[in-house]
Protein backbone atom coordinates (compact mmCIF):
# COMPACT_ATOMS: atom_id res chain seq x y z
CA UNK A 1 -117.99 7.10 104.17
CA UNK A 2 -120.98 8.63 105.92
CA UNK A 3 -121.98 12.20 104.87
CA UNK A 4 -119.42 12.39 102.05
CA UNK A 5 -120.69 11.90 98.51
CA UNK A 6 -117.16 12.30 97.11
CA UNK A 7 -114.39 9.98 98.25
CA UNK A 8 -111.07 8.91 96.80
CA UNK A 9 -108.62 6.19 97.77
CA UNK A 10 -105.05 7.04 98.69
CA UNK A 11 -102.06 4.87 99.54
CA UNK A 12 -99.50 6.57 101.81
CA UNK A 13 -96.17 7.09 100.03
CA UNK A 14 -92.67 7.46 101.45
CA UNK A 15 -92.77 11.18 100.57
CA UNK A 16 -95.70 11.56 102.99
CA UNK A 17 -93.71 10.29 105.99
CA UNK A 18 -91.80 12.52 108.40
CA UNK A 19 -88.89 11.85 110.76
CA UNK A 20 -91.35 10.48 113.34
CA UNK A 21 -92.19 7.61 111.01
CA UNK A 22 -95.78 8.69 110.37
CA UNK A 23 -97.62 10.97 107.92
CA UNK A 24 -96.47 14.58 108.22
CA UNK A 25 -98.66 17.59 108.91
CA UNK A 26 -97.92 19.02 105.46
CA UNK A 27 -98.90 15.74 103.80
CA UNK A 28 -102.36 15.85 105.38
CA UNK A 29 -102.97 19.28 103.85
CA UNK A 30 -101.80 17.84 100.51
CA UNK A 31 -104.30 14.99 100.94
CA UNK A 32 -107.01 17.61 101.43
CA UNK A 33 -105.88 19.42 98.27
CA UNK A 34 -105.88 16.20 96.25
CA UNK A 35 -109.43 15.50 97.44
CA UNK A 36 -110.48 19.08 96.62
CA UNK A 37 -109.09 18.73 93.09
CA UNK A 38 -110.93 15.43 92.67
CA UNK A 39 -114.13 16.93 94.06
CA UNK A 40 -114.02 19.83 91.59
CA UNK A 41 -113.43 17.42 88.71
CA UNK A 42 -116.38 15.28 89.87
CA UNK A 43 -118.62 18.37 89.72
CA UNK A 44 -117.81 18.86 86.04
CA UNK A 45 -115.26 20.96 84.25
CA UNK A 46 -113.94 22.76 87.35
CA UNK A 47 -110.47 23.16 88.85
CA UNK A 48 -108.83 25.25 91.54
CA UNK A 49 -107.94 27.82 88.88
CA UNK A 50 -111.35 27.79 87.18
CA UNK A 51 -114.62 27.23 89.01
CA UNK A 52 -116.61 28.79 86.20
CA UNK A 53 -114.80 32.03 85.48
CA UNK A 54 -112.52 32.51 88.48
CA UNK A 55 -110.28 30.43 90.71
CA UNK A 56 -110.05 29.93 94.44
CA UNK A 57 -107.64 31.03 97.13
CA UNK A 58 -107.25 29.41 100.55
CA UNK A 59 -107.00 31.84 103.50
CA UNK A 60 -107.50 29.31 106.31
CA UNK A 61 -107.09 25.60 107.03
CA UNK A 62 -107.84 23.53 110.11
CA UNK A 63 -106.80 19.94 110.82
CA UNK A 64 -107.66 17.63 113.67
CA UNK A 65 -105.43 14.57 113.89
CA UNK A 66 -107.21 11.51 115.29
CA UNK A 67 -104.72 8.67 114.67
CA UNK A 68 -101.28 8.19 113.17
CA UNK A 69 -101.02 7.14 109.53
CA UNK A 70 -98.11 5.07 108.23
CA UNK A 71 -96.32 4.07 105.03
CA UNK A 72 -98.53 2.00 102.70
CA UNK A 73 -101.72 2.63 104.70
CA UNK A 74 -104.77 2.41 102.46
CA UNK A 75 -106.79 5.54 103.17
CA UNK A 76 -110.15 6.85 102.03
CA UNK A 77 -110.41 10.63 101.78
CA UNK A 78 -113.78 12.37 101.67
CA UNK A 79 -114.49 15.98 100.68
CA UNK A 80 -117.61 18.11 100.52
CA UNK A 81 -118.45 21.76 99.92
CA UNK A 82 -120.78 23.59 102.28
CA UNK A 83 -121.76 27.04 103.56
CA UNK A 84 -121.63 28.76 100.17
CA UNK A 85 -121.80 32.52 100.56
CA UNK A 86 -121.44 35.40 98.08
CA UNK A 87 -117.73 34.89 97.42
CA UNK A 88 -116.66 32.12 99.79
CA UNK A 89 -117.40 28.59 100.93
CA UNK A 90 -116.02 25.92 103.21
CA UNK A 91 -114.80 22.46 102.32
CA UNK A 92 -114.69 19.77 104.94
CA UNK A 93 -112.57 16.63 104.76
CA UNK A 94 -112.30 13.28 106.50
CA UNK A 95 -109.57 10.68 106.20
CA UNK A 96 -110.30 7.11 107.24
CA UNK A 97 -108.27 3.91 107.41
CA UNK A 98 -110.52 0.84 107.31
CA UNK A 99 -113.44 2.84 108.72
CA UNK A 100 -111.45 4.54 111.50
CA UNK A 101 -111.07 8.32 111.29
CA UNK A 102 -107.41 9.35 111.18
CA UNK A 103 -107.84 13.07 110.41
CA UNK A 104 -110.57 15.63 109.79
CA UNK A 105 -110.45 19.24 108.78
CA UNK A 106 -111.74 22.14 106.79
CA UNK A 107 -110.56 24.88 104.51
CA UNK A 108 -112.12 28.28 103.97
CA UNK A 109 -112.02 29.08 100.26
CA UNK A 110 -112.60 32.39 98.51
CA UNK A 111 -113.48 32.84 94.84
CA UNK A 112 -110.54 34.76 93.39
CA UNK A 113 -109.96 36.52 90.08
CA UNK A 114 -106.29 35.84 89.40
CA UNK A 115 -106.10 38.44 86.61
CA UNK A 116 -107.47 41.27 88.76
CA UNK A 117 -105.87 39.85 91.95
CA UNK A 118 -109.02 40.23 94.03
CA UNK A 119 -111.98 38.21 95.32
CA UNK A 120 -115.05 37.78 93.14
CA UNK A 121 -118.54 36.28 93.43
CA UNK A 122 -118.94 32.51 93.33
CA UNK A 123 -120.01 31.66 89.78
CA UNK A 124 -123.61 30.46 89.47
CA UNK A 125 -122.55 27.38 87.50
CA UNK A 126 -120.33 26.30 90.40
CA UNK A 127 -123.11 26.93 92.94
CA UNK A 128 -125.53 24.83 90.91
CA UNK A 129 -123.00 22.01 90.46
CA UNK A 130 -122.33 21.88 94.21
CA UNK A 131 -126.06 21.92 95.02
CA UNK A 132 -126.72 19.11 92.53
CA UNK A 133 -123.80 17.02 93.80
CA UNK A 134 -124.54 17.51 97.48
CA UNK A 135 -128.31 17.25 97.07
CA UNK A 136 -128.88 20.65 98.68
CA UNK A 137 -130.55 23.89 97.74
CA UNK A 138 -128.31 26.64 96.38
CA UNK A 139 -127.34 28.80 99.36
CA UNK A 140 -126.88 32.51 98.77
CA UNK A 141 -125.92 35.55 100.80
CA UNK A 142 -123.23 36.34 103.35
């Protein structure tokens, strides 16, 4: 998948299907979350609750649907992190079926200290892991 260094396969399950007979809106956001979890794991010892000393919180998500997806479709889901700032970053996603884009989207993510219940700075270890994985320079600043 072009421009995505992290990808994961996914087979559409019956739980992903809505009354219209295709993948539901909520399922696509779950696909994005699954890819995000996989992406963090691929970076090293990171998760949504621990990106090196804090977790993340999702204040915004966008999805563009390009084609219907159906039960048992074999999908490829790509994820990448970009636009790292002081306490936030964006992840972009693409879902393809046999090379055809079925959905794309992004999520704004904020580093969040769950004990103090407030945003925090992106940990340096996470920044460095993203830069190494994506082959980019560490971006800083708002």
